[in-house]
Amino acid sequence: MTRGAARTIVLCHAHQPWVAFAGARRDQYTDEFLAPPPWAGCFTAAGFAVLTPGQLAAPLSQVDASALTPAEWRQVRYHRATTLGGVLFNAWD
């Protein structure tokens, strides 16, 4: 999304109604997430959960990751993802 000279990357999860924001397009994210812009409310109104940088920076050891399959855990370890955001928003597949 662009507005004037400002550019915001909208990250949408492939399987869940989760949205996050970043300043640059990447294959993998760690702590590059931006605070939701003022217009992020349109996603909430459409039924999406808008995630904050604080939520996305949560270490995997502090979140319930029990739904991940053994194959997904292999990908997490291989790509060295250590945060919730690193697991949710990536281009591993």
N, C-alpha and C. Protein backbone atom coordinates (compact mmCIF):
# COMPACT_ATOMS: atom_id res chain seq x y z
N MET A 1 0.85 -1.15 0.00
CA MET A 1 0.00 0.00 0.00
C MET A 1 0.91 1.23 0.00
N THR A 2 0.57 2.19 -0.80
CA THR A 2 1.32 3.43 -0.80
C THR A 2 0.38 4.60 -0.58
N ARG A 3 0.88 5.55 0.13
CA ARG A 3 0.14 6.80 0.35
C ARG A 3 1.17 7.92 0.30
N GLY A 4 1.15 8.66 -0.77
CA GLY A 4 2.19 9.66 -0.98
C GLY A 4 3.53 8.95 -1.12
N ALA A 5 4.49 9.37 -0.31
CA ALA A 5 5.81 8.73 -0.33
C ALA A 5 5.90 7.56 0.63
N ALA A 6 4.90 7.38 1.48
CA ALA A 6 4.93 6.31 2.47
C ALA A 6 4.50 4.99 1.85
N ARG A 7 5.22 3.95 2.19
CA ARG A 7 4.91 2.61 1.68
C ARG A 7 4.79 1.66 2.86
N THR A 8 3.72 0.90 2.88
CA THR A 8 3.49 -0.09 3.94
C THR A 8 3.19 -1.42 3.28
N ILE A 9 3.88 -2.44 3.71
CA ILE A 9 3.63 -3.79 3.23
C ILE A 9 2.58 -4.42 4.15
N VAL A 10 1.51 -4.92 3.56
CA VAL A 10 0.46 -5.61 4.30
C VAL A 10 0.75 -7.11 4.21
N LEU A 11 0.93 -7.72 5.36
CA LEU A 11 1.21 -9.16 5.42
C LEU A 11 -0.06 -9.88 5.86
N CYS A 12 -0.52 -10.79 5.05
CA CYS A 12 -1.72 -11.57 5.36
C CYS A 12 -1.31 -13.03 5.51
N HIS A 13 -1.75 -13.64 6.57
CA HIS A 13 -1.44 -15.06 6.79
C HIS A 13 -2.20 -15.90 5.76
N ALA A 14 -1.58 -16.96 5.31
CA ALA A 14 -2.16 -17.79 4.25
C ALA A 14 -3.40 -18.57 4.70
N HIS A 15 -3.50 -18.90 5.99
CA HIS A 15 -4.59 -19.77 6.44
C HIS A 15 -5.47 -19.18 7.54
N GLN A 16 -4.99 -18.15 8.19
CA GLN A 16 -5.74 -17.55 9.30
C GLN A 16 -6.03 -16.08 8.98
N PRO A 17 -7.05 -15.51 9.57
CA PRO A 17 -7.38 -14.09 9.31
C PRO A 17 -6.52 -13.14 10.14
N TRP A 18 -5.21 -13.23 9.95
CA TRP A 18 -4.25 -12.41 10.68
C TRP A 18 -3.53 -11.49 9.72
N VAL A 19 -3.33 -10.25 10.15
CA VAL A 19 -2.67 -9.24 9.33
C VAL A 19 -1.60 -8.55 10.17
N ALA A 20 -0.47 -8.26 9.52
CA ALA A 20 0.61 -7.49 10.14
C ALA A 20 1.14 -6.52 9.09
N PHE A 21 1.99 -5.62 9.53
CA PHE A 21 2.51 -4.58 8.64
C PHE A 21 4.03 -4.51 8.75
N ALA A 22 4.67 -4.22 7.61
CA ALA A 22 6.13 -4.09 7.57
C ALA A 22 6.49 -2.96 6.61
N GLY A 23 7.72 -2.50 6.70
CA GLY A 23 8.17 -1.43 5.84
C GLY A 23 8.83 -1.90 4.56
N ALA A 24 9.18 -3.19 4.51
CA ALA A 24 9.85 -3.74 3.33
C ALA A 24 9.40 -5.17 3.11
N ARG A 25 9.44 -5.59 1.88
CA ARG A 25 9.08 -6.97 1.52
C ARG A 25 10.29 -7.86 1.76
N ARG A 26 10.07 -8.98 2.45
CA ARG A 26 11.14 -9.92 2.78
C ARG A 26 10.62 -11.35 2.65
N ASP A 27 11.54 -12.30 2.61
CA ASP A 27 11.14 -13.70 2.61
C ASP A 27 10.89 -14.21 4.02
N GLN A 28 11.49 -13.55 4.99
CA GLN A 28 11.34 -13.96 6.38
C GLN A 28 11.42 -12.71 7.25
N TYR A 29 10.59 -12.66 8.27
CA TYR A 29 10.57 -11.51 9.17
C TYR A 29 10.97 -11.95 10.57
N THR A 30 11.64 -11.06 11.28
CA THR A 30 11.97 -11.31 12.68
C THR A 30 11.37 -10.20 13.53
N ASP A 31 11.96 -9.01 13.47
CA ASP A 31 11.44 -7.90 14.27
C ASP A 31 11.20 -6.65 13.43
N GLU A 32 10.98 -6.81 12.16
CA GLU A 32 10.80 -5.68 11.24
C GLU A 32 9.34 -5.22 11.13
N PHE A 33 8.50 -5.64 12.02
CA PHE A 33 7.08 -5.30 11.93
C PHE A 33 6.83 -3.86 12.37
N LEU A 34 5.86 -3.24 11.72
CA LEU A 34 5.47 -1.87 12.03
C LEU A 34 4.20 -1.86 12.86
N ALA A 35 4.01 -0.78 13.59
CA ALA A 35 2.74 -0.58 14.29
C ALA A 35 1.64 -0.46 13.24
N PRO A 36 0.47 -0.96 13.53
CA PRO A 36 -0.63 -0.84 12.56
C PRO A 36 -0.88 0.63 12.20
N PRO A 37 -1.01 0.92 10.92
CA PRO A 37 -1.29 2.30 10.50
C PRO A 37 -2.73 2.68 10.87
N PRO A 38 -3.04 3.95 10.81
CA PRO A 38 -4.41 4.39 11.16
C PRO A 38 -5.51 3.69 10.36
N TRP A 39 -5.23 3.32 9.14
CA TRP A 39 -6.25 2.69 8.31
C TRP A 39 -6.36 1.18 8.52
N ALA A 40 -5.63 0.63 9.50
CA ALA A 40 -5.69 -0.81 9.77
C ALA A 40 -7.06 -1.25 10.26
N GLY A 41 -7.86 -0.32 10.75
CA GLY A 41 -9.19 -0.65 11.22
C GLY A 41 -10.07 -1.27 10.15
N CYS A 42 -9.79 -0.99 8.89
CA CYS A 42 -10.59 -1.61 7.82
C CYS A 42 -10.41 -3.12 7.81
N PHE A 43 -9.24 -3.60 8.22
CA PHE A 43 -9.03 -5.05 8.30
C PHE A 43 -9.81 -5.64 9.48
N THR A 44 -9.81 -4.94 10.60
CA THR A 44 -10.57 -5.39 11.76
C THR A 44 -12.06 -5.46 11.42
N ALA A 45 -12.54 -4.44 10.74
CA ALA A 45 -13.95 -4.40 10.35
C ALA A 45 -14.31 -5.55 9.41
N ALA A 46 -13.33 -6.05 8.67
CA ALA A 46 -13.56 -7.15 7.74
C ALA A 46 -13.35 -8.51 8.41
N GLY A 47 -13.07 -8.53 9.72
CA GLY A 47 -12.94 -9.80 10.43
C GLY A 47 -11.53 -10.28 10.65
N PHE A 48 -10.54 -9.47 10.32
CA PHE A 48 -9.14 -9.86 10.52
C PHE A 48 -8.66 -9.42 11.90
N ALA A 49 -7.71 -10.16 12.44
CA ALA A 49 -7.02 -9.75 13.66
C ALA A 49 -5.77 -9.00 13.22
N VAL A 50 -5.65 -7.75 13.65
CA VAL A 50 -4.48 -6.95 13.32
C VAL A 50 -3.46 -7.15 14.43
N LEU A 51 -2.32 -7.72 14.08
CA LEU A 51 -1.29 -8.05 15.06
C LEU A 51 -0.31 -6.90 15.23
N THR A 52 0.15 -6.70 16.45
CA THR A 52 1.07 -5.61 16.77
C THR A 52 2.51 -6.12 16.78
N PRO A 53 3.48 -5.21 16.67
CA PRO A 53 4.88 -5.64 16.75
C PRO A 53 5.18 -6.36 18.06
N GLY A 54 4.56 -5.93 19.15
CA GLY A 54 4.77 -6.61 20.44
C GLY A 54 4.30 -8.05 20.42
N GLN A 55 3.14 -8.29 19.86
CA GLN A 55 2.63 -9.67 19.76
C GLN A 55 3.55 -10.51 18.88
N LEU A 56 3.98 -9.95 17.77
CA LEU A 56 4.79 -10.69 16.80
C LEU A 56 6.20 -10.94 17.29
N ALA A 57 6.68 -10.11 18.22
CA ALA A 57 8.03 -10.29 18.77
C ALA A 57 8.06 -11.31 19.91
N ALA A 58 6.91 -11.85 20.28
CA ALA A 58 6.87 -12.83 21.37
C ALA A 58 7.72 -14.04 21.03
N PRO A 59 8.59 -14.45 21.94
CA PRO A 59 9.39 -15.65 21.71
C PRO A 59 8.49 -16.88 21.61
N LEU A 60 8.88 -17.83 20.78
CA LEU A 60 8.10 -19.06 20.63
C LEU A 60 7.92 -19.78 21.96
N SER A 61 8.87 -19.62 22.85
CA SER A 61 8.76 -20.28 24.16
C SER A 61 7.62 -19.71 24.99
N GLN A 62 7.07 -18.56 24.59
CA GLN A 62 6.01 -17.91 25.37
C GLN A 62 4.65 -17.97 24.69
N VAL A 63 4.53 -18.69 23.58
CA VAL A 63 3.24 -18.79 22.89
C VAL A 63 2.85 -20.26 22.78
N ASP A 64 1.57 -20.49 22.60
CA ASP A 64 1.07 -21.86 22.42
C ASP A 64 1.29 -22.25 20.96
N ALA A 65 2.31 -23.04 20.73
CA ALA A 65 2.63 -23.50 19.37
C ALA A 65 2.31 -24.98 19.21
N SER A 66 1.40 -25.48 20.03
CA SER A 66 1.07 -26.91 20.03
C SER A 66 0.40 -27.36 18.73
N ALA A 67 -0.15 -26.43 17.97
CA ALA A 67 -0.81 -26.80 16.71
C ALA A 67 0.18 -27.07 15.58
N LEU A 68 1.44 -26.71 15.78
CA LEU A 68 2.44 -26.96 14.73
C LEU A 68 2.72 -28.45 14.60
N THR A 69 2.81 -28.90 13.37
CA THR A 69 3.10 -30.31 13.10
C THR A 69 4.60 -30.55 13.19
N PRO A 70 5.04 -31.81 13.27
CA PRO A 70 6.48 -32.08 13.27
C PRO A 70 7.19 -31.50 12.03
N ALA A 71 6.54 -31.54 10.89
CA ALA A 71 7.14 -30.97 9.67
C ALA A 71 7.30 -29.46 9.80
N GLU A 72 6.31 -28.81 10.39
CA GLU A 72 6.40 -27.37 10.59
C GLU A 72 7.51 -27.02 11.58
N TRP A 73 7.64 -27.82 12.63
CA TRP A 73 8.74 -27.60 13.59
C TRP A 73 10.09 -27.76 12.92
N ARG A 74 10.21 -28.70 11.99
CA ARG A 74 11.48 -28.85 11.25
C ARG A 74 11.79 -27.57 10.48
N GLN A 75 10.76 -26.98 9.84
CA GLN A 75 10.96 -25.73 9.11
C GLN A 75 11.35 -24.59 10.06
N VAL A 76 10.71 -24.53 11.21
CA VAL A 76 11.04 -23.50 12.21
C VAL A 76 12.50 -23.62 12.61
N ARG A 77 12.94 -24.83 12.90
CA ARG A 77 14.33 -25.03 13.30
C ARG A 77 15.30 -24.75 12.15
N TYR A 78 14.97 -25.22 10.96
CA TYR A 78 15.84 -25.02 9.80
C TYR A 78 16.03 -23.53 9.49
N HIS A 79 14.95 -22.77 9.57
CA HIS A 79 15.03 -21.34 9.25
C HIS A 79 15.33 -20.47 10.46
N ARG A 80 15.52 -21.13 11.60
CA ARG A 80 15.90 -20.45 12.84
C ARG A 80 14.92 -19.35 13.26
N ALA A 81 13.66 -19.61 13.08
CA ALA A 81 12.64 -18.68 13.53
C ALA A 81 12.52 -18.78 15.05
N THR A 82 12.54 -17.66 15.71
CA THR A 82 12.49 -17.66 17.17
C THR A 82 11.31 -16.87 17.73
N THR A 83 10.57 -16.20 16.85
CA THR A 83 9.44 -15.38 17.32
C THR A 83 8.15 -15.82 16.64
N LEU A 84 7.05 -15.42 17.23
CA LEU A 84 5.75 -15.71 16.64
C LEU A 84 5.67 -15.12 15.23
N GLY A 85 6.09 -13.89 15.06
CA GLY A 85 6.05 -13.26 13.74
C GLY A 85 6.90 -13.97 12.71
N GLY A 86 8.05 -14.49 13.14
CA GLY A 86 8.92 -15.24 12.24
C GLY A 86 8.29 -16.52 11.76
N VAL A 87 7.44 -17.11 12.57
CA VAL A 87 6.75 -18.34 12.17
C VAL A 87 5.53 -18.03 11.31
N LEU A 88 4.79 -16.99 11.68
CA LEU A 88 3.55 -16.69 10.97
C LEU A 88 3.76 -16.10 9.58
N PHE A 89 4.78 -15.26 9.43
CA PHE A 89 4.97 -14.54 8.16
C PHE A 89 6.34 -14.85 7.58
N ASN A 90 6.33 -15.77 6.62
CA ASN A 90 7.55 -16.22 5.97
C ASN A 90 7.22 -16.73 4.58
N ALA A 91 8.25 -17.00 3.80
CA ALA A 91 8.04 -17.53 2.44
C ALA A 91 8.78 -18.86 2.31
N TRP A 92 8.68 -19.71 3.31
CA TRP A 92 9.39 -20.99 3.29
C TRP A 92 8.86 -21.95 2.26
N ASP A 93 7.58 -21.90 1.96
CA ASP A 93 6.98 -22.90 1.09
C ASP A 93 7.21 -22.59 -0.37
